[in-house]
Amino acid sequence: MIGLRTLRGICYSSACMAMYSEDDIFNNLCNQTLEALEYRKTLAGFKLEEVENELESLYTYQGQDWAGRGALKNLEIDAHVSAYQVFIHRIKSALTD
């Protein structure tokens, strides 16, 4: 598939929306974002506060769909938001255990 971005074998374009379910695409994007966040956590200088600020920015971005982004972009943003929420929850839960 020339010109299409791929995410672990799932192409990432509006044409692929017909080939894969929204759940497949969402889960793939969410898992990749979680993996990236988990990697960042291992780096020196990692701060949970920075990740929380990024989530706040994602919330703002999520709410700025006045011009209409399309289903795929909204799905991508929702997956990123969900991954950030899960990641932050996991860290905070581990701190209270």
C-alpha atoms as a PDB file:
ATOM      1  CA  MET A   1       0.000   0.000   0.000  1.00  0.00           C
ATOM      2  CA  ILE A   2       2.041   2.874  -1.264  1.00  0.00           C
ATOM      3  CA  GLY A   3       1.578   6.175   0.485  1.00  0.00           C
ATOM      4  CA  LEU A   4      -0.350   4.778   3.430  1.00  0.00           C
ATOM      5  CA  ARG A   5       0.973   4.926   6.935  1.00  0.00           C
ATOM      6  CA  THR A   6       0.817   1.583   8.669  1.00  0.00           C
ATOM      7  CA  LEU A   7       0.491   0.746  12.321  1.00  0.00           C
ATOM      8  CA  ARG A   8       1.573  -2.795  13.029  1.00  0.00           C
ATOM      9  CA  GLY A   9       0.140  -4.087   9.808  1.00  0.00           C
ATOM     10  CA  ILE A  10      -3.063  -2.064   9.902  1.00  0.00           C
ATOM     11  CA  CYS A  11      -3.075   0.664   7.301  1.00  0.00           C
ATOM     12  CA  TYR A  12      -3.976   4.076   8.574  1.00  0.00           C
ATOM     13  CA  SER A  13      -6.099   5.868   6.010  1.00  0.00           C
ATOM     14  CA  SER A  14      -9.772   6.441   5.347  1.00  0.00           C
ATOM     15  CA  ALA A  15      -9.642   3.678   2.716  1.00  0.00           C
ATOM     16  CA  CYS A  16      -8.701   1.221   5.442  1.00  0.00           C
ATOM     17  CA  MET A  17     -11.715   2.101   7.558  1.00  0.00           C
ATOM     18  CA  ALA A  18     -13.622  -0.313   5.333  1.00  0.00           C
ATOM     19  CA  MET A  19     -11.022  -3.064   5.786  1.00  0.00           C
ATOM     20  CA  TYR A  20     -10.668  -2.944   9.581  1.00  0.00           C
ATOM     21  CA  SER A  21     -13.153  -2.303  12.317  1.00  0.00           C
ATOM     22  CA  GLU A  22     -13.012   0.922  14.268  1.00  0.00           C
ATOM     23  CA  ASP A  23     -12.258  -1.191  17.342  1.00  0.00           C
ATOM     24  CA  ASP A  24      -9.202  -2.729  15.663  1.00  0.00           C
ATOM     25  CA  ILE A  25      -7.843   0.659  14.659  1.00  0.00           C
ATOM     26  CA  PHE A  26      -8.645   2.217  18.054  1.00  0.00           C
ATOM     27  CA  ASN A  27      -7.032  -0.639  19.988  1.00  0.00           C
ATOM     28  CA  ASN A  28      -3.941  -0.572  17.788  1.00  0.00           C
ATOM     29  CA  LEU A  29      -3.465   3.176  18.214  1.00  0.00           C
ATOM     30  CA  CYS A  30      -4.175   3.003  21.934  1.00  0.00           C
ATOM     31  CA  ASN A  31      -1.684   0.176  22.477  1.00  0.00           C
ATOM     32  CA  GLN A  32       1.024   1.939  20.493  1.00  0.00           C
ATOM     33  CA  THR A  33       0.527   5.115  22.496  1.00  0.00           C
ATOM     34  CA  LEU A  34       0.682   3.145  25.745  1.00  0.00           C
ATOM     35  CA  GLU A  35       3.923   1.497  24.624  1.00  0.00           C
ATOM     36  CA  ALA A  36       5.423   4.894  23.822  1.00  0.00           C
ATOM     37  CA  LEU A  37       4.379   6.258  27.206  1.00  0.00           C
ATOM     38  CA  GLU A  38       5.785   3.204  29.002  1.00  0.00           C
ATOM     39  CA  TYR A  39       9.084   3.740  27.192  1.00  0.00           C
ATOM     40  CA  ARG A  40       9.130   7.422  28.176  1.00  0.00           C
ATOM     41  CA  LYS A  41       8.630   6.380  31.787  1.00  0.00           C
ATOM     42  CA  THR A  42      11.986   4.564  31.686  1.00  0.00           C
ATOM     43  CA  LEU A  43      13.888   7.642  30.545  1.00  0.00           C
ATOM     44  CA  ALA A  44      15.764   9.904  32.918  1.00  0.00           C
ATOM     45  CA  GLY A  45      13.847  13.038  33.745  1.00  0.00           C
ATOM     46  CA  PHE A  46      10.404  11.502  33.272  1.00  0.00           C
ATOM     47  CA  LYS A  47       7.720  13.556  34.994  1.00  0.00           C
ATOM     48  CA  LEU A  48       4.124  12.463  35.362  1.00  0.00           C
ATOM     49  CA  GLU A  49       3.117  16.118  35.451  1.00  0.00           C
ATOM     50  CA  GLU A  50       4.294  16.517  31.846  1.00  0.00           C
ATOM     51  CA  VAL A  51       2.141  13.586  30.743  1.00  0.00           C
ATOM     52  CA  GLU A  52      -0.835  15.047  32.604  1.00  0.00           C
ATOM     53  CA  ASN A  53      -0.283  18.377  30.826  1.00  0.00           C
ATOM     54  CA  GLU A  54      -0.152  16.570  27.486  1.00  0.00           C
ATOM     55  CA  LEU A  55      -3.467  14.913  28.311  1.00  0.00           C
ATOM     56  CA  GLU A  56      -4.994  18.310  29.028  1.00  0.00           C
ATOM     57  CA  SER A  57      -3.772  19.471  25.608  1.00  0.00           C
ATOM     58  CA  LEU A  58      -5.319  16.387  24.020  1.00  0.00           C
ATOM     59  CA  TYR A  59      -8.646  17.203  25.709  1.00  0.00           C
ATOM     60  CA  THR A  60      -8.481  20.686  24.205  1.00  0.00           C
ATOM     61  CA  TYR A  61      -7.596  19.305  20.786  1.00  0.00           C
ATOM     62  CA  GLN A  62     -10.383  16.751  21.054  1.00  0.00           C
ATOM     63  CA  GLY A  63     -12.912  19.533  21.638  1.00  0.00           C
ATOM     64  CA  GLN A  64     -11.791  21.661  18.692  1.00  0.00           C
ATOM     65  CA  ASP A  65     -13.601  19.726  15.969  1.00  0.00           C
ATOM     66  CA  TRP A  66     -15.668  22.653  14.764  1.00  0.00           C
ATOM     67  CA  ALA A  67     -14.554  22.200  11.158  1.00  0.00           C
ATOM     68  CA  GLY A  68     -15.005  18.436  11.101  1.00  0.00           C
ATOM     69  CA  ARG A  69     -11.924  16.257  11.045  1.00  0.00           C
ATOM     70  CA  GLY A  70     -13.493  13.045   9.937  1.00  0.00           C
ATOM     71  CA  ALA A  71     -14.031   9.728  11.628  1.00  0.00           C
ATOM     72  CA  LEU A  72     -10.454   8.474  11.366  1.00  0.00           C
ATOM     73  CA  LYS A  73      -8.821  11.530  12.932  1.00  0.00           C
ATOM     74  CA  ASN A  74     -11.396  11.591  15.738  1.00  0.00           C
ATOM     75  CA  LEU A  75     -10.738   7.898  16.330  1.00  0.00           C
ATOM     76  CA  GLU A  76      -7.001   8.608  16.531  1.00  0.00           C
ATOM     77  CA  ILE A  77      -7.450  11.424  19.042  1.00  0.00           C
ATOM     78  CA  ASP A  78      -9.840   9.333  21.156  1.00  0.00           C
ATOM     79  CA  ALA A  79      -7.317   6.475  21.220  1.00  0.00           C
ATOM     80  CA  HIS A  80      -4.542   8.812  22.349  1.00  0.00           C
ATOM     81  CA  VAL A  81      -6.744  10.274  25.088  1.00  0.00           C
ATOM     82  CA  SER A  82      -7.700   6.807  26.315  1.00  0.00           C
ATOM     83  CA  ALA A  83      -4.076   5.658  26.366  1.00  0.00           C
ATOM     84  CA  TYR A  84      -3.003   8.698  28.366  1.00  0.00           C
ATOM     85  CA  GLN A  85      -5.858   8.173  30.831  1.00  0.00           C
ATOM     86  CA  VAL A  86      -4.946   4.508  31.333  1.00  0.00           C
ATOM     87  CA  PHE A  87      -1.243   5.296  31.686  1.00  0.00           C
ATOM     88  CA  ILE A  88      -1.809   8.012  34.291  1.00  0.00           C
ATOM     89  CA  HIS A  89      -4.262   5.824  36.194  1.00  0.00           C
ATOM     90  CA  ARG A  90      -1.779   2.927  36.281  1.00  0.00           C
ATOM     91  CA  ILE A  91       1.006   5.124  37.650  1.00  0.00           C
ATOM     92  CA  LYS A  92      -1.185   6.733  40.300  1.00  0.00           C
ATOM     93  CA  SER A  93      -2.605   3.354  41.325  1.00  0.00           C
ATOM     94  CA  ALA A  94       0.911   1.938  41.697  1.00  0.00           C
ATOM     95  CA  LEU A  95       1.884   4.895  43.900  1.00  0.00           C
ATOM     96  CA  THR A  96      -1.014   4.291  46.281  1.00  0.00           C
ATOM     97  CA  ASP A  97      -0.436   0.531  46.598  1.00  0.00           C
END
